[in-house]
Structures are given as C-alpha cells and as structure tokens.
Amino acid sequence: MENELPRLEELTEKLLEKNTLALQYFEFYTLQGESADFQTIVHPFADEVKKLSDEWMELALSFVKREKPKYLYHNQVDNAHENLQIQAVACFQKDTKRKRFLERNKSIEYTLESLLKLII
C-alpha cells in the first residue's frame, strides 16, 4: 500500500544506521579485544535490531511482491533480515572472523540501499 512506503523508508534508514553501528561495534569490541556487557549493550542492541528487522521484512516482502523490482528479490530480503540478526550479536564476539563479518555487513548495506533507491 502507498501508506506503507514512508514506514518502509524509515525502517530501511534505521537499519542502515544499525548496520553502520554494528560495524563500529565490531571494530571496537572484536578487533580491539574489548568485552561488551551483555545486559546493557549486547541484549538491547540485538533486541532493537530484531524488532526493526522483523517489521521491515514484512513491509519489504510486500513491496517486492507488489512492485516486482528488477534487481531486488524475495530471497535478498530474507537474507538481509537473517544477516541483520546474526550480525547484531556477532559484532560483539571476539571470535568473529573479520572477512565474513565485513562481507555480511556489505551484503546488508547493498540490499537496504537498493530498496531505499526503489522507494524514494
């Protein structure tokens, strides 16, 4: 629906911010070997990403189904949703592999940016 687009845009922008923040957390906590407090940092961040990404996925899948964009597919939305939630926890873990994390982060960014371009 037309009235879903502003909310989808807002959620996409918020998730782009969370994606950038996850990268910053990764650089601080994982690469520098710092420890994040689970109750005050990890859990609230992961919960917020889950809440935003769950709502985003519903709206994004509806948009993809309705509009049938040429270069954005159902499975990309599913993958971005899953990767956002994995990354929200992995960014704090010391044993997270740098290359894999960065690939996941770029994949999420690409999907979110692609969707944003379609709805603006």
PDB file of N, CA and C in Angstrom:
ATOM      1  N   MET A   1       0.833  -1.189   0.000  1.00  0.00           N
ATOM      2  CA  MET A   1       0.000   0.000   0.000  1.00  0.00           C
ATOM      3  C   MET A   1       0.879   1.256   0.000  1.00  0.00           C
ATOM      4  N   GLU A   2       0.320   2.323  -0.497  1.00  0.00           N
ATOM      5  CA  GLU A   2       1.060   3.583  -0.592  1.00  0.00           C
ATOM      6  C   GLU A   2       1.460   4.119   0.782  1.00  0.00           C
ATOM      7  N   ASN A   3       0.594   3.924   1.780  1.00  0.00           N
ATOM      8  CA  ASN A   3       0.895   4.445   3.117  1.00  0.00           C
ATOM      9  C   ASN A   3       1.953   3.620   3.845  1.00  0.00           C
ATOM     10  N   GLU A   4       2.332   2.448   3.307  1.00  0.00           N
ATOM     11  CA  GLU A   4       3.396   1.645   3.895  1.00  0.00           C
ATOM     12  C   GLU A   4       4.775   2.169   3.503  1.00  0.00           C
ATOM     13  N   LEU A   5       4.855   2.875   2.387  1.00  0.00           N
ATOM     14  CA  LEU A   5       6.156   3.317   1.874  1.00  0.00           C
ATOM     15  C   LEU A   5       6.917   4.239   2.834  1.00  0.00           C
ATOM     16  N   PRO A   6       6.262   5.221   3.452  1.00  0.00           N
ATOM     17  CA  PRO A   6       7.016   6.061   4.405  1.00  0.00           C
ATOM     18  C   PRO A   6       7.578   5.248   5.574  1.00  0.00           C
ATOM     19  N   ARG A   7       6.818   4.290   6.055  1.00  0.00           N
ATOM     20  CA  ARG A   7       7.299   3.456   7.168  1.00  0.00           C
ATOM     21  C   ARG A   7       8.435   2.548   6.694  1.00  0.00           C
ATOM     22  N   LEU A   8       8.309   1.992   5.496  1.00  0.00           N
ATOM     23  CA  LEU A   8       9.362   1.153   4.940  1.00  0.00           C
ATOM     24  C   LEU A   8      10.648   1.966   4.757  1.00  0.00           C
ATOM     25  N   GLU A   9      10.508   3.175   4.279  1.00  0.00           N
ATOM     26  CA  GLU A   9      11.674   4.061   4.118  1.00  0.00           C
ATOM     27  C   GLU A   9      12.324   4.343   5.472  1.00  0.00           C
ATOM     28  N   GLU A  10      11.503   4.664   6.464  1.00  0.00           N
ATOM     29  CA  GLU A  10      12.017   4.953   7.809  1.00  0.00           C
ATOM     30  C   GLU A  10      12.749   3.748   8.399  1.00  0.00           C
ATOM     31  N   LEU A  11      12.153   2.575   8.287  1.00  0.00           N
ATOM     32  CA  LEU A  11      12.771   1.365   8.822  1.00  0.00           C
ATOM     33  C   LEU A  11      14.070   1.031   8.092  1.00  0.00           C
ATOM     34  N   THR A  12      14.073   1.210   6.781  1.00  0.00           N
ATOM     35  CA  THR A  12      15.270   0.933   5.985  1.00  0.00           C
ATOM     36  C   THR A  12      16.405   1.852   6.414  1.00  0.00           C
ATOM     37  N   GLU A  13      16.101   3.121   6.610  1.00  0.00           N
ATOM     38  CA  GLU A  13      17.125   4.073   7.059  1.00  0.00           C
ATOM     39  C   GLU A  13      17.629   3.726   8.461  1.00  0.00           C
ATOM     40  N   LYS A  14      16.722   3.339   9.337  1.00  0.00           N
ATOM     41  CA  LYS A  14      17.137   2.953  10.700  1.00  0.00           C
ATOM     42  C   LYS A  14      18.021   1.717  10.674  1.00  0.00           C
ATOM     43  N   LEU A  15      17.686   0.762   9.806  1.00  0.00           N
ATOM     44  CA  LEU A  15      18.504  -0.449   9.713  1.00  0.00           C
ATOM     45  C   LEU A  15      19.866  -0.160   9.087  1.00  0.00           C
ATOM     46  N   LEU A  16      19.929   0.786   8.183  1.00  0.00           N
ATOM     47  CA  LEU A  16      21.229   1.211   7.648  1.00  0.00           C
ATOM     48  C   LEU A  16      22.087   1.791   8.772  1.00  0.00           C
ATOM     49  N   GLU A  17      21.460   2.573   9.651  1.00  0.00           N
ATOM     50  CA  GLU A  17      22.179   3.123  10.802  1.00  0.00           C
ATOM     51  C   GLU A  17      22.655   2.006  11.733  1.00  0.00           C
ATOM     52  N   LYS A  18      21.803   1.022  11.972  1.00  0.00           N
ATOM     53  CA  LYS A  18      22.175  -0.106  12.836  1.00  0.00           C
ATOM     54  C   LYS A  18      23.294  -0.920  12.196  1.00  0.00           C
ATOM     55  N   ASN A  19      23.267  -1.043  10.870  1.00  0.00           N
ATOM     56  CA  ASN A  19      24.314  -1.765  10.159  1.00  0.00           C
ATOM     57  C   ASN A  19      25.663  -1.058  10.336  1.00  0.00           C
ATOM     58  N   THR A  20      25.653   0.259  10.227  1.00  0.00           N
ATOM     59  CA  THR A  20      26.867   1.044  10.438  1.00  0.00           C
ATOM     60  C   THR A  20      27.334   0.939  11.889  1.00  0.00           C
ATOM     61  N   LEU A  21      26.402   0.992  12.810  1.00  0.00           N
ATOM     62  CA  LEU A  21      26.736   0.875  14.231  1.00  0.00           C
ATOM     63  C   LEU A  21      27.316  -0.504  14.543  1.00  0.00           C
ATOM     64  N   ALA A  22      26.767  -1.542  13.926  1.00  0.00           N
ATOM     65  CA  ALA A  22      27.300  -2.896  14.133  1.00  0.00           C
ATOM     66  C   ALA A  22      28.749  -2.971  13.665  1.00  0.00           C
ATOM     67  N   LEU A  23      29.056  -2.317  12.565  1.00  0.00           N
ATOM     68  CA  LEU A  23      30.431  -2.282  12.075  1.00  0.00           C
ATOM     69  C   LEU A  23      31.342  -1.561  13.075  1.00  0.00           C
ATOM     70  N   GLN A  24      30.863  -0.469  13.635  1.00  0.00           N
ATOM     71  CA  GLN A  24      31.640   0.259  14.645  1.00  0.00           C
ATOM     72  C   GLN A  24      31.842  -0.590  15.898  1.00  0.00           C
ATOM     73  N   TYR A  25      30.783  -1.289  16.329  1.00  0.00           N
ATOM     74  CA  TYR A  25      30.909  -2.192  17.486  1.00  0.00           C
ATOM     75  C   TYR A  25      31.921  -3.291  17.186  1.00  0.00           C
ATOM     76  N   PHE A  26      31.841  -3.848  15.982  1.00  0.00           N
ATOM     77  CA  PHE A  26      32.772  -4.901  15.586  1.00  0.00           C
ATOM     78  C   PHE A  26      34.210  -4.411  15.670  1.00  0.00           C
ATOM     79  N   GLU A  27      34.443  -3.231  15.133  1.00  0.00           N
ATOM     80  CA  GLU A  27      35.797  -2.684  15.148  1.00  0.00           C
ATOM     81  C   GLU A  27      36.292  -2.450  16.574  1.00  0.00           C
ATOM     82  N   PHE A  28      35.414  -2.001  17.446  1.00  0.00           N
ATOM     83  CA  PHE A  28      35.821  -1.725  18.822  1.00  0.00           C
ATOM     84  C   PHE A  28      35.945  -3.004  19.650  1.00  0.00           C
ATOM     85  N   TYR A  29      34.876  -3.799  19.687  1.00  0.00           N
ATOM     86  CA  TYR A  29      34.845  -4.947  20.594  1.00  0.00           C
ATOM     87  C   TYR A  29      35.617  -6.154  20.073  1.00  0.00           C
ATOM     88  N   THR A  30      35.525  -6.425  18.797  1.00  0.00           N
ATOM     89  CA  THR A  30      36.172  -7.613  18.269  1.00  0.00           C
ATOM     90  C   THR A  30      37.625  -7.357  17.909  1.00  0.00           C
ATOM     91  N   LEU A  31      37.868  -6.348  17.131  1.00  0.00           N
ATOM     92  CA  LEU A  31      39.231  -6.108  16.664  1.00  0.00           C
ATOM     93  C   LEU A  31      40.144  -5.612  17.770  1.00  0.00           C
ATOM     94  N   GLN A  32      39.588  -4.905  18.745  1.00  0.00           N
ATOM     95  CA  GLN A  32      40.424  -4.405  19.842  1.00  0.00           C
ATOM     96  C   GLN A  32      40.368  -5.303  21.070  1.00  0.00           C
ATOM     97  N   GLY A  33      39.583  -6.372  20.986  1.00  0.00           N
ATOM     98  CA  GLY A  33      39.544  -7.344  22.072  1.00  0.00           C
ATOM     99  C   GLY A  33      38.826  -6.886  23.313  1.00  0.00           C
ATOM    100  N   GLU A  34      37.994  -5.877  23.194  1.00  0.00           N
ATOM    101  CA  GLU A  34      37.228  -5.389  24.347  1.00  0.00           C
ATOM    102  C   GLU A  34      36.035  -6.324  24.605  1.00  0.00           C
ATOM    103  N   SER A  35      35.493  -6.255  25.810  1.00  0.00           N
ATOM    104  CA  SER A  35      34.316  -7.046  26.158  1.00  0.00           C
ATOM    105  C   SER A  35      33.122  -6.126  26.330  1.00  0.00           C
ATOM    106  N   ALA A  36      31.998  -6.522  25.741  1.00  0.00           N
ATOM    107  CA  ALA A  36      30.765  -5.750  25.873  1.00  0.00           C
ATOM    108  C   ALA A  36      29.885  -6.401  26.933  1.00  0.00           C
ATOM    109  N   ASP A  37      29.254  -5.581  27.753  1.00  0.00           N
ATOM    110  CA  ASP A  37      28.335  -6.093  28.762  1.00  0.00           C
ATOM    111  C   ASP A  37      27.061  -6.584  28.082  1.00  0.00           C
ATOM    112  N   PHE A  38      26.703  -7.828  28.352  1.00  0.00           N
ATOM    113  CA  PHE A  38      25.557  -8.432  27.673  1.00  0.00           C
ATOM    114  C   PHE A  38      24.250  -7.708  27.996  1.00  0.00           C
ATOM    115  N   GLN A  39      24.001  -7.443  29.252  1.00  0.00           N
ATOM    116  CA  GLN A  39      22.721  -6.862  29.664  1.00  0.00           C
ATOM    117  C   GLN A  39      22.540  -5.414  29.247  1.00  0.00           C
ATOM    118  N   THR A  40      23.608  -4.634  29.252  1.00  0.00           N
ATOM    119  CA  THR A  40      23.456  -3.201  28.973  1.00  0.00           C
ATOM    120  C   THR A  40      23.750  -2.819  27.523  1.00  0.00           C
ATOM    121  N   ILE A  41      24.509  -3.655  26.802  1.00  0.00           N
ATOM    122  CA  ILE A  41      24.870  -3.291  25.430  1.00  0.00           C
ATOM    123  C   ILE A  41      24.386  -4.314  24.407  1.00  0.00           C
ATOM    124  N   VAL A  42      24.796  -5.568  24.549  1.00  0.00           N
ATOM    125  CA  VAL A  42      24.511  -6.592  23.540  1.00  0.00           C
ATOM    126  C   VAL A  42      23.012  -6.867  23.420  1.00  0.00           C
ATOM    127  N   HIS A  43      22.384  -7.205  24.525  1.00  0.00           N
ATOM    128  CA  HIS A  43      20.966  -7.582  24.509  1.00  0.00           C
ATOM    129  C   HIS A  43      20.059  -6.460  23.988  1.00  0.00           C
ATOM    130  N   PRO A  44      20.191  -5.223  24.493  1.00  0.00           N
ATOM    131  CA  PRO A  44      19.332  -4.146  23.955  1.00  0.00           C
ATOM    132  C   PRO A  44      19.560  -3.893  22.460  1.00  0.00           C
ATOM    133  N   PHE A  45      20.801  -3.945  22.015  1.00  0.00           N
ATOM    134  CA  PHE A  45      21.087  -3.718  20.593  1.00  0.00           C
ATOM    135  C   PHE A  45      20.477  -4.827  19.741  1.00  0.00           C
ATOM    136  N   ALA A  46      20.684  -6.072  20.127  1.00  0.00           N
ATOM    137  CA  ALA A  46      20.144  -7.208  19.375  1.00  0.00           C
ATOM    138  C   ALA A  46      18.616  -7.179  19.366  1.00  0.00           C
ATOM    139  N   ASP A  47      18.009  -6.843  20.485  1.00  0.00           N
ATOM    140  CA  ASP A  47      16.540  -6.765  20.545  1.00  0.00           C
ATOM    141  C   ASP A  47      15.992  -5.678  19.632  1.00  0.00           C
ATOM    142  N   GLU A  48      16.652  -4.527  19.622  1.00  0.00           N
ATOM    143  CA  GLU A  48      16.186  -3.432  18.776  1.00  0.00           C
ATOM    144  C   GLU A  48      16.324  -3.786  17.291  1.00  0.00           C
ATOM    145  N   VAL A  49      17.446  -4.406  16.931  1.00  0.00           N
ATOM    146  CA  VAL A  49      17.640  -4.820  15.536  1.00  0.00           C
ATOM    147  C   VAL A  49      16.583  -5.848  15.145  1.00  0.00           C
ATOM    148  N   LYS A  50      16.286  -6.792  16.035  1.00  0.00           N
ATOM    149  CA  LYS A  50      15.272  -7.808  15.740  1.00  0.00           C
ATOM    150  C   LYS A  50      13.907  -7.167  15.531  1.00  0.00           C
ATOM    151  N   LYS A  51      13.536  -6.269  16.415  1.00  0.00           N
ATOM    152  CA  LYS A  51      12.235  -5.602  16.313  1.00  0.00           C
ATOM    153  C   LYS A  51      12.125  -4.831  14.992  1.00  0.00           C
ATOM    154  N   LEU A  52      13.133  -4.034  14.688  1.00  0.00           N
ATOM    155  CA  LEU A  52      13.120  -3.246  13.452  1.00  0.00           C
ATOM    156  C   LEU A  52      13.137  -4.142  12.216  1.00  0.00           C
ATOM    157  N   SER A  53      13.992  -5.158  12.230  1.00  0.00           N
ATOM    158  CA  SER A  53      14.131  -6.005  11.042  1.00  0.00           C
ATOM    159  C   SER A  53      12.907  -6.884  10.810  1.00  0.00           C
ATOM    160  N   ASP A  54      12.235  -7.304  11.862  1.00  0.00           N
ATOM    161  CA  ASP A  54      11.002  -8.095  11.688  1.00  0.00           C
ATOM    162  C   ASP A  54       9.919  -7.269  10.996  1.00  0.00           C
ATOM    163  N   GLU A  55       9.735  -6.042  11.466  1.00  0.00           N
ATOM    164  CA  GLU A  55       8.730  -5.167  10.840  1.00  0.00           C
ATOM    165  C   GLU A  55       9.150  -4.810   9.411  1.00  0.00           C
ATOM    166  N   TRP A  56      10.439  -4.526   9.236  1.00  0.00           N
ATOM    167  CA  TRP A  56      10.967  -4.182   7.914  1.00  0.00           C
ATOM    168  C   TRP A  56      10.743  -5.308   6.924  1.00  0.00           C
ATOM    169  N   MET A  57      11.004  -6.544   7.350  1.00  0.00           N
ATOM    170  CA  MET A  57      10.886  -7.685   6.443  1.00  0.00           C
ATOM    171  C   MET A  57       9.464  -7.820   5.901  1.00  0.00           C
ATOM    172  N   GLU A  58       8.481  -7.687   6.761  1.00  0.00           N
ATOM    173  CA  GLU A  58       7.084  -7.780   6.311  1.00  0.00           C
ATOM    174  C   GLU A  58       6.782  -6.741   5.242  1.00  0.00           C
ATOM    175  N   LEU A  59       7.166  -5.501   5.503  1.00  0.00           N
ATOM    176  CA  LEU A  59       6.890  -4.424   4.551  1.00  0.00           C
ATOM    177  C   LEU A  59       7.716  -4.577   3.277  1.00  0.00           C
ATOM    178  N   ALA A  60       8.964  -4.985   3.421  1.00  0.00           N
ATOM    179  CA  ALA A  60       9.839  -5.143   2.252  1.00  0.00           C
ATOM    180  C   ALA A  60       9.365  -6.281   1.361  1.00  0.00           C
ATOM    181  N   LEU A  61       8.968  -7.398   1.959  1.00  0.00           N
ATOM    182  CA  LEU A  61       8.465  -8.517   1.161  1.00  0.00           C
ATOM    183  C   LEU A  61       7.173  -8.146   0.440  1.00  0.00           C
ATOM    184  N   SER A  62       6.322  -7.410   1.110  1.00  0.00           N
ATOM    185  CA  SER A  62       5.087  -6.937   0.491  1.00  0.00           C
ATOM    186  C   SER A  62       5.409  -6.025  -0.691  1.00  0.00           C
ATOM    187  N   PHE A  63       6.371  -5.146  -0.514  1.00  0.00           N
ATOM    188  CA  PHE A  63       6.778  -4.237  -1.580  1.00  0.00           C
ATOM    189  C   PHE A  63       7.339  -5.010  -2.772  1.00  0.00           C
ATOM    190  N   VAL A  64       8.227  -5.960  -2.508  1.00  0.00           N
ATOM    191  CA  VAL A  64       8.846  -6.748  -3.578  1.00  0.00           C
ATOM    192  C   VAL A  64       7.793  -7.562  -4.327  1.00  0.00           C
ATOM    193  N   LYS A  65       6.864  -8.126  -3.597  1.00  0.00           N
ATOM    194  CA  LYS A  65       5.799  -8.920  -4.225  1.00  0.00           C
ATOM    195  C   LYS A  65       4.907  -8.039  -5.101  1.00  0.00           C
ATOM    196  N   ARG A  66       4.579  -6.872  -4.607  1.00  0.00           N
ATOM    197  CA  ARG A  66       3.668  -5.968  -5.308  1.00  0.00           C
ATOM    198  C   ARG A  66       4.337  -5.274  -6.495  1.00  0.00           C
ATOM    199  N   GLU A  67       5.548  -4.758  -6.289  1.00  0.00           N
ATOM    200  CA  GLU A  67       6.210  -3.938  -7.307  1.00  0.00           C
ATOM    201  C   GLU A  67       7.077  -4.739  -8.281  1.00  0.00           C
ATOM    202  N   LYS A  68       7.505  -5.934  -7.857  1.00  0.00           N
ATOM    203  CA  LYS A  68       8.369  -6.785  -8.682  1.00  0.00           C
ATOM    204  C   LYS A  68       9.566  -6.026  -9.267  1.00  0.00           C
ATOM    205  N   PRO A  69      10.402  -5.449  -8.392  1.00  0.00           N
ATOM    206  CA  PRO A  69      11.563  -4.711  -8.898  1.00  0.00           C
ATOM    207  C   PRO A  69      12.515  -5.640  -9.646  1.00  0.00           C
ATOM    208  N   LYS A  70      13.194  -5.073 -10.610  1.00  0.00           N
ATOM    209  CA  LYS A  70      14.053  -5.855 -11.500  1.00  0.00           C
ATOM    210  C   LYS A  70      15.262  -6.468 -10.784  1.00  0.00           C
ATOM    211  N   TYR A  71      15.838  -5.762  -9.832  1.00  0.00           N
ATOM    212  CA  TYR A  71      17.073  -6.239  -9.212  1.00  0.00           C
ATOM    213  C   TYR A  71      16.994  -6.445  -7.702  1.00  0.00           C
ATOM    214  N   LEU A  72      15.814  -6.673  -7.197  1.00  0.00           N
ATOM    215  CA  LEU A  72      15.661  -6.965  -5.771  1.00  0.00           C
ATOM    216  C   LEU A  72      14.652  -8.098  -5.633  1.00  0.00           C
ATOM    217  N   TYR A  73      15.066  -9.148  -4.938  1.00  0.00           N
ATOM    218  CA  TYR A  73      14.275 -10.363  -4.881  1.00  0.00           C
ATOM    219  C   TYR A  73      13.935 -10.747  -3.442  1.00  0.00           C
ATOM    220  N   HIS A  74      12.920 -11.588  -3.344  1.00  0.00           N
ATOM    221  CA  HIS A  74      12.424 -12.095  -2.066  1.00  0.00           C
ATOM    222  C   HIS A  74      13.562 -12.663  -1.221  1.00  0.00           C
ATOM    223  N   ASN A  75      14.417 -13.494  -1.831  1.00  0.00           N
ATOM    224  CA  ASN A  75      15.473 -14.131  -1.047  1.00  0.00           C
ATOM    225  C   ASN A  75      16.508 -13.127  -0.532  1.00  0.00           C
ATOM    226  N   GLN A  76      16.710 -12.008  -1.237  1.00  0.00           N
ATOM    227  CA  GLN A  76      17.627 -10.976  -0.741  1.00  0.00           C
ATOM    228  C   GLN A  76      17.074 -10.339   0.530  1.00  0.00           C
ATOM    229  N   VAL A  77      15.770 -10.124   0.559  1.00  0.00           N
ATOM    230  CA  VAL A  77      15.125  -9.558   1.749  1.00  0.00           C
ATOM    231  C   VAL A  77      15.246 -10.548   2.908  1.00  0.00           C
ATOM    232  N   ASP A  78      14.961 -11.818   2.640  1.00  0.00           N
ATOM    233  CA  ASP A  78      15.098 -12.853   3.675  1.00  0.00           C
ATOM    234  C   ASP A  78      16.531 -12.911   4.218  1.00  0.00           C
ATOM    235  N   ASN A  79      17.488 -12.906   3.303  1.00  0.00           N
ATOM    236  CA  ASN A  79      18.892 -12.990   3.707  1.00  0.00           C
ATOM    237  C   ASN A  79      19.321 -11.772   4.512  1.00  0.00           C
ATOM    238  N   ALA A  80      18.899 -10.592   4.081  1.00  0.00           N
ATOM    239  CA  ALA A  80      19.243  -9.372   4.821  1.00  0.00           C
ATOM    240  C   ALA A  80      18.650  -9.419   6.227  1.00  0.00           C
ATOM    241  N   HIS A  81      17.417  -9.877   6.326  1.00  0.00           N
ATOM    242  CA  HIS A  81      16.751  -9.995   7.625  1.00  0.00           C
ATOM    243  C   HIS A  81      17.533 -10.928   8.544  1.00  0.00           C
ATOM    244  N   GLU A  82      17.885 -12.090   8.041  1.00  0.00           N
ATOM    245  CA  GLU A  82      18.636 -13.064   8.836  1.00  0.00           C
ATOM    246  C   GLU A  82      20.024 -12.528   9.184  1.00  0.00           C
ATOM    247  N   ASN A  83      20.699 -11.935   8.211  1.00  0.00           N
ATOM    248  CA  ASN A  83      22.046 -11.418   8.447  1.00  0.00           C
ATOM    249  C   ASN A  83      22.069 -10.267   9.439  1.00  0.00           C
ATOM    250  N   LEU A  84      21.048  -9.430   9.421  1.00  0.00           N
ATOM    251  CA  LEU A  84      20.969  -8.341  10.397  1.00  0.00           C
ATOM    252  C   LEU A  84      20.950  -8.894  11.818  1.00  0.00           C
ATOM    253  N   GLN A  85      20.174  -9.945  12.018  1.00  0.00           N
ATOM    254  CA  GLN A  85      20.051 -10.506  13.356  1.00  0.00           C
ATOM    255  C   GLN A  85      21.320 -11.240  13.787  1.00  0.00           C
ATOM    256  N   ILE A  86      21.952 -11.934  12.861  1.00  0.00           N
ATOM    257  CA  ILE A  86      23.229 -12.604  13.174  1.00  0.00           C
ATOM    258  C   ILE A  86      24.287 -11.564  13.516  1.00  0.00           C
ATOM    259  N   GLN A  87      24.372 -10.550  12.679  1.00  0.00           N
ATOM    260  CA  GLN A  87      25.386  -9.510  12.854  1.00  0.00           C
ATOM    261  C   GLN A  87      25.206  -8.740  14.155  1.00  0.00           C
ATOM    262  N   ALA A  88      23.964  -8.559  14.594  1.00  0.00           N
ATOM    263  CA  ALA A  88      23.682  -7.797  15.818  1.00  0.00           C
ATOM    264  C   ALA A  88      24.322  -8.430  17.047  1.00  0.00           C
ATOM    265  N   VAL A  89      24.595  -9.720  16.987  1.00  0.00           N
ATOM    266  CA  VAL A  89      25.263 -10.406  18.094  1.00  0.00           C
ATOM    267  C   VAL A  89      26.738 -10.625  17.765  1.00  0.00           C
ATOM    268  N   ALA A  90      27.018 -11.006  16.516  1.00  0.00           N
ATOM    269  CA  ALA A  90      28.392 -11.327  16.112  1.00  0.00           C
ATOM    270  C   ALA A  90      29.334 -10.136  16.247  1.00  0.00           C
ATOM    271  N   CYS A  91      28.815  -8.927  16.135  1.00  0.00           N
ATOM    272  CA  CYS A  91      29.685  -7.744  16.210  1.00  0.00           C
ATOM    273  C   CYS A  91      30.344  -7.590  17.576  1.00  0.00           C
ATOM    274  N   PHE A  92      29.828  -8.270  18.575  1.00  0.00           N
ATOM    275  CA  PHE A  92      30.386  -8.179  19.926  1.00  0.00           C
ATOM    276  C   PHE A  92      31.294  -9.358  20.282  1.00  0.00           C
ATOM    277  N   GLN A  93      31.305 -10.390  19.445  1.00  0.00           N
ATOM    278  CA  GLN A  93      32.038 -11.613  19.772  1.00  0.00           C
ATOM    279  C   GLN A  93      33.488 -11.536  19.305  1.00  0.00           C
ATOM    280  N   LYS A  94      34.388 -11.875  20.209  1.00  0.00           N
ATOM    281  CA  LYS A  94      35.814 -11.787  19.909  1.00  0.00           C
ATOM    282  C   LYS A  94      36.256 -12.769  18.831  1.00  0.00           C
ATOM    283  N   ASP A  95      35.550 -13.886  18.677  1.00  0.00           N
ATOM    284  CA  ASP A  95      35.963 -14.898  17.711  1.00  0.00           C
ATOM    285  C   ASP A  95      35.340 -14.710  16.323  1.00  0.00           C
ATOM    286  N   THR A  96      34.660 -13.592  16.113  1.00  0.00           N
ATOM    287  CA  THR A  96      34.058 -13.317  14.810  1.00  0.00           C
ATOM    288  C   THR A  96      35.154 -13.066  13.781  1.00  0.00           C
ATOM    289  N   LYS A  97      35.040 -13.755  12.667  1.00  0.00           N
ATOM    290  CA  LYS A  97      36.020 -13.604  11.591  1.00  0.00           C
ATOM    291  C   LYS A  97      35.780 -12.296  10.847  1.00  0.00           C
ATOM    292  N   ARG A  98      36.838 -11.535  10.670  1.00  0.00           N
ATOM    293  CA  ARG A  98      36.753 -10.206  10.060  1.00  0.00           C
ATOM    294  C   ARG A  98      36.177 -10.255   8.647  1.00  0.00           C
ATOM    295  N   LYS A  99      36.721 -11.113   7.800  1.00  0.00           N
ATOM    296  CA  LYS A  99      36.284 -11.167   6.405  1.00  0.00           C
ATOM    297  C   LYS A  99      34.806 -11.508   6.302  1.00  0.00           C
ATOM    298  N   ARG A 100      34.370 -12.507   7.032  1.00  0.00           N
ATOM    299  CA  ARG A 100      32.959 -12.923   6.990  1.00  0.00           C
ATOM    300  C   ARG A 100      32.055 -11.805   7.497  1.00  0.00           C
ATOM    301  N   PHE A 101      32.466 -11.164   8.580  1.00  0.00           N
ATOM    302  CA  PHE A 101      31.651 -10.075   9.122  1.00  0.00           C
ATOM    303  C   PHE A 101      31.505  -8.951   8.104  1.00  0.00           C
ATOM    304  N   LEU A 102      32.610  -8.555   7.500  1.00  0.00           N
ATOM    305  CA  LEU A 102      32.574  -7.451   6.533  1.00  0.00           C
ATOM    306  C   LEU A 102      31.748  -7.808   5.299  1.00  0.00           C
ATOM    307  N   GLU A 103      31.827  -9.052   4.851  1.00  0.00           N
ATOM    308  CA  GLU A 103      31.011  -9.492   3.714  1.00  0.00           C
ATOM    309  C   GLU A 103      29.516  -9.421   4.057  1.00  0.00           C
ATOM    310  N   ARG A 104      29.183  -9.876   5.256  1.00  0.00           N
ATOM    311  CA  ARG A 104      27.785  -9.834   5.700  1.00  0.00           C
ATOM    312  C   ARG A 104      27.314  -8.379   5.799  1.00  0.00           C
ATOM    313  N   ASN A 105      28.150  -7.528   6.362  1.00  0.00           N
ATOM    314  CA  ASN A 105      27.811  -6.120   6.532  1.00  0.00           C
ATOM    315  C   ASN A 105      27.562  -5.448   5.182  1.00  0.00           C
ATOM    316  N   LYS A 106      28.431  -5.719   4.206  1.00  0.00           N
ATOM    317  CA  LYS A 106      28.279  -5.129   2.863  1.00  0.00           C
ATOM    318  C   LYS A 106      27.041  -5.667   2.157  1.00  0.00           C
ATOM    319  N   SER A 107      26.742  -6.933   2.345  1.00  0.00           N
ATOM    320  CA  SER A 107      25.553  -7.537   1.748  1.00  0.00           C
ATOM    321  C   SER A 107      24.279  -6.879   2.280  1.00  0.00           C
ATOM    322  N   ILE A 108      24.248  -6.674   3.582  1.00  0.00           N
ATOM    323  CA  ILE A 108      23.099  -5.998   4.208  1.00  0.00           C
ATOM    324  C   ILE A 108      22.976  -4.584   3.654  1.00  0.00           C
ATOM    325  N   GLU A 109      24.088  -3.873   3.625  1.00  0.00           N
ATOM    326  CA  GLU A 109      24.089  -2.496   3.126  1.00  0.00           C
ATOM    327  C   GLU A 109      23.585  -2.435   1.687  1.00  0.00           C
ATOM    328  N   TYR A 110      24.049  -3.349   0.855  1.00  0.00           N
ATOM    329  CA  TYR A 110      23.628  -3.365  -0.553  1.00  0.00           C
ATOM    330  C   TYR A 110      22.116  -3.560  -0.676  1.00  0.00           C
ATOM    331  N   THR A 111      21.572  -4.519   0.049  1.00  0.00           N
ATOM    332  CA  THR A 111      20.135  -4.785  -0.024  1.00  0.00           C
ATOM    333  C   THR A 111      19.329  -3.603   0.479  1.00  0.00           C
ATOM    334  N   LEU A 112      19.727  -3.046   1.609  1.00  0.00           N
ATOM    335  CA  LEU A 112      18.996  -1.898   2.168  1.00  0.00           C
ATOM    336  C   LEU A 112      19.077  -0.686   1.246  1.00  0.00           C
ATOM    337  N   GLU A 113      20.274  -0.400   0.725  1.00  0.00           N
ATOM    338  CA  GLU A 113      20.446   0.734  -0.190  1.00  0.00           C
ATOM    339  C   GLU A 113      19.636   0.527  -1.480  1.00  0.00           C
ATOM    340  N   SER A 114      19.636  -0.696  -1.991  1.00  0.00           N
ATOM    341  CA  SER A 114      18.878  -0.997  -3.209  1.00  0.00           C
ATOM    342  C   SER A 114      17.393  -0.751  -2.996  1.00  0.00           C
ATOM    343  N   LEU A 115      16.880  -1.204  -1.860  1.00  0.00           N
ATOM    344  CA  LEU A 115      15.469  -0.995  -1.556  1.00  0.00           C
ATOM    345  C   LEU A 115      15.165   0.485  -1.387  1.00  0.00           C
ATOM    346  N   LEU A 116      16.030   1.189  -0.698  1.00  0.00           N
ATOM    347  CA  LEU A 116      15.830   2.613  -0.469  1.00  0.00           C
ATOM    348  C   LEU A 116      15.751   3.383  -1.796  1.00  0.00           C
ATOM    349  N   LYS A 117      16.602   3.050  -2.716  1.00  0.00           N
ATOM    350  CA  LYS A 117      16.575   3.702  -4.033  1.00  0.00           C
ATOM    351  C   LYS A 117      15.262   3.457  -4.764  1.00  0.00           C
ATOM    352  N   LEU A 118      14.675   2.283  -4.549  1.00  0.00           N
ATOM    353  CA  LEU A 118      13.424   1.955  -5.217  1.00  0.00           C
ATOM    354  C   LEU A 118      12.219   2.678  -4.623  1.00  0.00           C
ATOM    355  N   ILE A 119      12.272   2.969  -3.342  1.00  0.00           N
ATOM    356  CA  ILE A 119      11.090   3.553  -2.697  1.00  0.00           C
ATOM    357  C   ILE A 119      11.150   5.071  -2.587  1.00  0.00           C
ATOM    358  N   ILE A 120      12.308   5.661  -2.802  1.00  0.00           N
ATOM    359  CA  ILE A 120      12.398   7.124  -2.704  1.00  0.00           C
ATOM    360  C   ILE A 120      11.981   7.749  -4.019  1.00  0.00           C
TER     361      ILE A 120
END
